[in-house]
N, C-alpha and C. Protein backbone atom coordinates (compact mmCIF):
# COMPACT_ATOMS: atom_id res chain seq x y z
N MET A 1 88.98 93.13 97.08
CA MET A 1 89.04 94.37 96.32
C MET A 1 90.48 94.66 95.89
N VAL A 2 91.44 94.32 96.72
CA VAL A 2 92.84 94.55 96.39
C VAL A 2 93.24 93.70 95.18
N ILE A 3 92.72 92.48 95.11
CA ILE A 3 93.03 91.60 93.98
C ILE A 3 92.49 92.20 92.69
N VAL A 4 91.28 92.74 92.72
CA VAL A 4 90.68 93.34 91.53
C VAL A 4 91.50 94.54 91.08
N LYS A 5 91.92 95.38 92.02
CA LYS A 5 92.73 96.55 91.68
C LYS A 5 94.07 96.13 91.08
N SER A 6 94.67 95.11 91.66
CA SER A 6 95.95 94.61 91.17
C SER A 6 95.80 94.04 89.76
N LEU A 7 94.74 93.26 89.55
CA LEU A 7 94.48 92.69 88.23
C LEU A 7 94.23 93.78 87.21
N TRP A 8 93.43 94.78 87.58
CA TRP A 8 93.13 95.88 86.66
C TRP A 8 94.39 96.65 86.32
N ALA A 9 95.26 96.90 87.30
CA ALA A 9 96.51 97.61 87.05
C ALA A 9 97.41 96.82 86.09
N SER A 10 97.42 95.50 86.22
CA SER A 10 98.28 94.69 85.35
C SER A 10 97.75 94.64 83.92
N VAL A 11 96.44 94.60 83.73
CA VAL A 11 95.90 94.54 82.37
C VAL A 11 95.95 95.90 81.68
N GLN A 12 95.94 96.98 82.44
CA GLN A 12 96.03 98.30 81.83
C GLN A 12 97.39 98.51 81.17
N GLY A 13 98.41 97.82 81.65
CA GLY A 13 99.72 97.92 81.04
C GLY A 13 99.86 97.09 79.78
N ASP A 14 98.85 96.30 79.45
CA ASP A 14 98.90 95.43 78.27
C ASP A 14 98.05 96.05 77.16
N PRO A 15 98.68 96.72 76.18
CA PRO A 15 97.89 97.41 75.15
C PRO A 15 97.06 96.47 74.28
N VAL A 16 97.54 95.24 74.07
CA VAL A 16 96.77 94.30 73.25
C VAL A 16 95.47 93.95 73.96
N PHE A 17 95.54 93.67 75.25
CA PHE A 17 94.34 93.35 76.02
C PHE A 17 93.38 94.54 76.03
N MET A 18 93.91 95.74 76.28
CA MET A 18 93.05 96.92 76.34
C MET A 18 92.41 97.20 74.98
N ARG A 19 93.13 96.94 73.91
CA ARG A 19 92.56 97.12 72.57
C ARG A 19 91.37 96.18 72.38
N ARG A 20 91.54 94.94 72.79
CA ARG A 20 90.45 93.97 72.65
C ARG A 20 89.25 94.34 73.50
N VAL A 21 89.50 94.70 74.76
CA VAL A 21 88.39 95.07 75.67
C VAL A 21 87.64 96.27 75.10
N ASN A 22 88.36 97.32 74.74
CA ASN A 22 87.70 98.51 74.23
C ASN A 22 87.03 98.26 72.89
N GLY A 23 87.58 97.37 72.09
CA GLY A 23 86.94 97.01 70.83
C GLY A 23 85.60 96.32 71.05
N TRP A 24 85.59 95.36 71.97
CA TRP A 24 84.34 94.66 72.27
C TRP A 24 83.32 95.58 72.93
N LEU A 25 83.78 96.48 73.78
CA LEU A 25 82.85 97.44 74.39
C LEU A 25 82.27 98.39 73.34
N THR A 26 83.08 98.78 72.38
CA THR A 26 82.58 99.62 71.29
C THR A 26 81.48 98.89 70.51
N ILE A 27 81.74 97.65 70.17
CA ILE A 27 80.75 96.86 69.44
C ILE A 27 79.47 96.71 70.27
N PHE A 28 79.63 96.44 71.56
CA PHE A 28 78.47 96.29 72.45
C PHE A 28 77.61 97.55 72.43
N TRP A 29 78.24 98.72 72.57
CA TRP A 29 77.45 99.95 72.62
C TRP A 29 76.86 100.31 71.27
N VAL A 30 77.51 99.96 70.19
CA VAL A 30 76.91 100.19 68.86
C VAL A 30 75.65 99.34 68.72
N VAL A 31 75.70 98.10 69.20
CA VAL A 31 74.53 97.22 69.15
C VAL A 31 73.43 97.73 70.09
N MET A 32 73.82 98.33 71.21
CA MET A 32 72.83 98.82 72.18
C MET A 32 72.01 100.00 71.67
N ILE A 33 72.54 100.75 70.72
CA ILE A 33 71.80 101.91 70.23
C ILE A 33 70.46 101.50 69.60
N PRO A 34 70.43 100.57 68.62
CA PRO A 34 69.12 100.19 68.08
C PRO A 34 68.25 99.44 69.10
N ILE A 35 68.89 98.67 69.96
CA ILE A 35 68.11 97.96 70.99
C ILE A 35 67.42 98.97 71.89
N SER A 36 68.14 100.01 72.28
CA SER A 36 67.55 101.05 73.13
C SER A 36 66.38 101.73 72.43
N TYR A 37 66.52 101.91 71.14
CA TYR A 37 65.46 102.54 70.38
C TYR A 37 64.24 101.63 70.28
N VAL A 38 64.46 100.36 69.93
CA VAL A 38 63.36 99.41 69.77
C VAL A 38 62.63 99.18 71.10
N MET A 39 63.36 99.16 72.18
CA MET A 39 62.76 98.91 73.49
C MET A 39 62.12 100.18 74.09
N HIS A 40 62.20 101.30 73.37
CA HIS A 40 61.63 102.57 73.80
C HIS A 40 62.28 103.09 75.08
N TRP A 41 63.55 102.75 75.27
CA TRP A 41 64.27 103.27 76.43
C TRP A 41 64.65 104.73 76.23
N LEU A 42 64.65 105.18 75.01
CA LEU A 42 65.03 106.56 74.71
C LEU A 42 63.85 107.53 74.77
N SER A 43 62.68 107.02 75.00
CA SER A 43 61.49 107.87 74.89
C SER A 43 61.37 108.91 76.00
N SER A 44 61.97 108.69 77.13
CA SER A 44 61.82 109.66 78.22
C SER A 44 62.68 110.91 78.00
N VAL A 45 63.92 110.73 77.81
CA VAL A 45 64.81 111.87 77.59
C VAL A 45 65.68 111.50 76.38
N ILE A 46 65.11 111.67 75.21
CA ILE A 46 65.74 111.18 73.98
C ILE A 46 67.12 111.78 73.76
N TYR A 47 67.20 113.07 73.82
CA TYR A 47 68.47 113.71 73.52
C TYR A 47 69.57 113.28 74.49
N VAL A 48 69.30 113.29 75.78
CA VAL A 48 70.32 112.94 76.77
C VAL A 48 70.70 111.47 76.66
N SER A 49 69.73 110.61 76.45
CA SER A 49 70.03 109.18 76.31
C SER A 49 70.87 108.90 75.08
N ALA A 50 70.48 109.47 73.95
CA ALA A 50 71.23 109.24 72.72
C ALA A 50 72.64 109.82 72.84
N LEU A 51 72.74 110.97 73.44
CA LEU A 51 74.05 111.58 73.63
C LEU A 51 74.93 110.73 74.55
N SER A 52 74.34 110.17 75.59
CA SER A 52 75.09 109.30 76.50
C SER A 52 75.58 108.04 75.79
N LEU A 53 74.72 107.43 74.99
CA LEU A 53 75.14 106.25 74.24
C LEU A 53 76.26 106.60 73.26
N TRP A 54 76.12 107.73 72.58
CA TRP A 54 77.16 108.11 71.64
C TRP A 54 78.48 108.41 72.37
N ALA A 55 78.38 109.02 73.55
CA ALA A 55 79.59 109.31 74.33
C ALA A 55 80.30 108.01 74.71
N LEU A 56 79.53 106.99 75.07
CA LEU A 56 80.15 105.70 75.37
C LEU A 56 80.82 105.09 74.16
N VAL A 57 80.14 105.13 73.02
CA VAL A 57 80.71 104.58 71.79
C VAL A 57 81.99 105.35 71.43
N ALA A 58 81.91 106.65 71.44
CA ALA A 58 83.06 107.46 71.05
C ALA A 58 84.22 107.27 72.02
N GLY A 59 83.93 107.17 73.31
CA GLY A 59 84.98 106.98 74.30
C GLY A 59 85.69 105.65 74.13
N HIS A 60 84.91 104.59 73.95
CA HIS A 60 85.53 103.27 73.76
C HIS A 60 86.25 103.19 72.42
N TRP A 61 85.70 103.81 71.40
CA TRP A 61 86.35 103.79 70.10
C TRP A 61 87.72 104.47 70.18
N SER A 62 87.77 105.63 70.82
CA SER A 62 89.04 106.34 70.91
C SER A 62 90.05 105.57 71.76
N SER A 63 89.58 104.92 72.81
CA SER A 63 90.48 104.10 73.62
C SER A 63 91.01 102.92 72.81
N TRP A 64 90.17 102.33 72.01
CA TRP A 64 90.56 101.21 71.16
C TRP A 64 91.64 101.67 70.17
N GLN A 65 91.40 102.82 69.57
CA GLN A 65 92.37 103.33 68.61
C GLN A 65 93.70 103.67 69.28
N ALA A 66 93.63 104.26 70.46
CA ALA A 66 94.85 104.59 71.19
C ALA A 66 95.63 103.33 71.54
N ALA A 67 94.93 102.28 71.92
CA ALA A 67 95.60 101.02 72.25
C ALA A 67 96.24 100.42 71.00
N ARG A 68 95.60 100.55 69.86
CA ARG A 68 96.19 100.04 68.61
C ARG A 68 97.48 100.78 68.29
N VAL A 69 97.49 102.09 68.50
CA VAL A 69 98.70 102.88 68.26
C VAL A 69 99.81 102.44 69.22
N GLU A 70 99.43 102.21 70.46
CA GLU A 70 100.42 101.79 71.45
C GLU A 70 101.03 100.43 71.09
N VAL A 71 100.22 99.54 70.58
CA VAL A 71 100.73 98.24 70.12
C VAL A 71 101.74 98.45 69.00
N ALA A 72 101.41 99.30 68.04
CA ALA A 72 102.33 99.57 66.93
C ALA A 72 103.62 100.20 67.44
N GLN A 73 103.51 101.10 68.41
CA GLN A 73 104.70 101.73 68.97
C GLN A 73 105.57 100.71 69.70
N ASN A 74 104.96 99.78 70.42
CA ASN A 74 105.73 98.74 71.11
C ASN A 74 106.45 97.84 70.11
N ILE A 75 105.79 97.50 69.03
CA ILE A 75 106.41 96.67 67.99
C ILE A 75 107.61 97.40 67.38
N GLU A 76 107.44 98.67 67.09
CA GLU A 76 108.52 99.47 66.52
C GLU A 76 109.68 99.62 67.50
N ALA A 77 109.39 99.84 68.78
CA ALA A 77 110.45 99.96 69.79
C ALA A 77 111.23 98.65 69.91
N ASP A 78 110.53 97.51 69.89
CA ASP A 78 111.20 96.21 69.93
C ASP A 78 112.08 96.01 68.69
N ARG A 79 111.60 96.42 67.53
CA ARG A 79 112.37 96.30 66.30
C ARG A 79 113.63 97.15 66.37
N GLN A 80 113.51 98.36 66.90
CA GLN A 80 114.67 99.24 67.01
C GLN A 80 115.68 98.72 68.04
N LYS A 81 115.20 98.05 69.09
CA LYS A 81 116.12 97.45 70.06
C LYS A 81 116.93 96.33 69.41
N ARG A 82 116.29 95.55 68.56
CA ARG A 82 116.98 94.44 67.88
C ARG A 82 117.92 94.94 66.79
N ASN A 83 117.59 96.07 66.18
CA ASN A 83 118.37 96.59 65.06
C ASN A 83 118.57 98.10 65.27
N PRO A 84 119.49 98.48 66.16
CA PRO A 84 119.65 99.91 66.51
C PRO A 84 120.07 100.78 65.34
N ILE A 85 119.53 101.96 65.29
CA ILE A 85 119.82 102.91 64.21
C ILE A 85 121.28 103.35 64.26
N GLU A 86 121.86 103.40 65.46
CA GLU A 86 123.25 103.84 65.59
C GLU A 86 124.19 102.94 64.79
N GLU A 87 123.94 101.65 64.84
CA GLU A 87 124.78 100.72 64.10
C GLU A 87 124.65 100.93 62.59
N LYS A 88 123.46 101.26 62.13
CA LYS A 88 123.26 101.54 60.70
C LYS A 88 124.01 102.80 60.29
N VAL A 89 123.97 103.82 61.15
CA VAL A 89 124.65 105.08 60.84
C VAL A 89 126.16 104.85 60.73
N VAL A 90 126.73 104.13 61.70
CA VAL A 90 128.16 103.85 61.67
C VAL A 90 128.52 103.03 60.44
N ALA A 91 127.73 102.03 60.11
CA ALA A 91 128.01 101.21 58.93
C ALA A 91 127.97 102.05 57.66
N LYS A 92 127.02 102.96 57.54
CA LYS A 92 126.93 103.83 56.36
C LYS A 92 128.12 104.79 56.29
N MET A 93 128.52 105.31 57.45
CA MET A 93 129.67 106.22 57.47
C MET A 93 130.94 105.51 57.01
N ILE A 94 131.11 104.29 57.48
CA ILE A 94 132.28 103.52 57.08
C ILE A 94 132.22 103.20 55.59
N GLU A 95 131.02 102.89 55.12
CA GLU A 95 130.83 102.53 53.71
C GLU A 95 131.08 103.71 52.77
N LYS A 96 130.62 104.89 53.15
CA LYS A 96 130.65 106.05 52.25
C LYS A 96 131.84 106.97 52.46
N THR A 97 132.64 106.75 53.47
CA THR A 97 133.81 107.59 53.73
C THR A 97 135.04 106.73 53.89
N ASP A 98 136.14 107.39 54.17
CA ASP A 98 137.37 106.62 54.42
C ASP A 98 137.60 106.42 55.92
N VAL A 99 136.57 106.63 56.71
CA VAL A 99 136.65 106.41 58.15
C VAL A 99 136.66 104.90 58.40
N ALA A 100 137.49 104.46 59.33
CA ALA A 100 137.57 103.04 59.67
C ALA A 100 137.26 102.87 61.14
N PRO A 101 136.77 101.71 61.51
CA PRO A 101 136.53 101.47 62.94
C PRO A 101 137.84 101.56 63.72
N ALA A 102 137.75 102.01 64.95
CA ALA A 102 138.93 102.13 65.80
C ALA A 102 139.48 100.76 66.15
N GLU A 103 140.80 100.68 66.22
CA GLU A 103 141.44 99.43 66.62
C GLU A 103 141.44 99.33 68.14
N ASP A 104 141.20 98.15 68.64
CA ASP A 104 141.20 97.95 70.11
C ASP A 104 142.57 97.90 70.67
């Protein structure tokens, strides 16, 4: 059980993996809606069953979208680390004013 918890903790920190998992779960539950209907699984408590299926779809969809945003944020943070905005600001100041870099 400790191994499963450790593995789950490590994959939760990986937004690309979580995006894929939640994407596939979303697709699975979208496919399950017509299957549930055809198999008459919804006939006992239609409203609650349909609402539960929709809640699963909506939950996984939102998690998938959140993971996609996190991936984009990580890419942008990496880009900013490689090309810091501070260096651009200093370069523009030197370019547009008579300020010069300090001598060592």
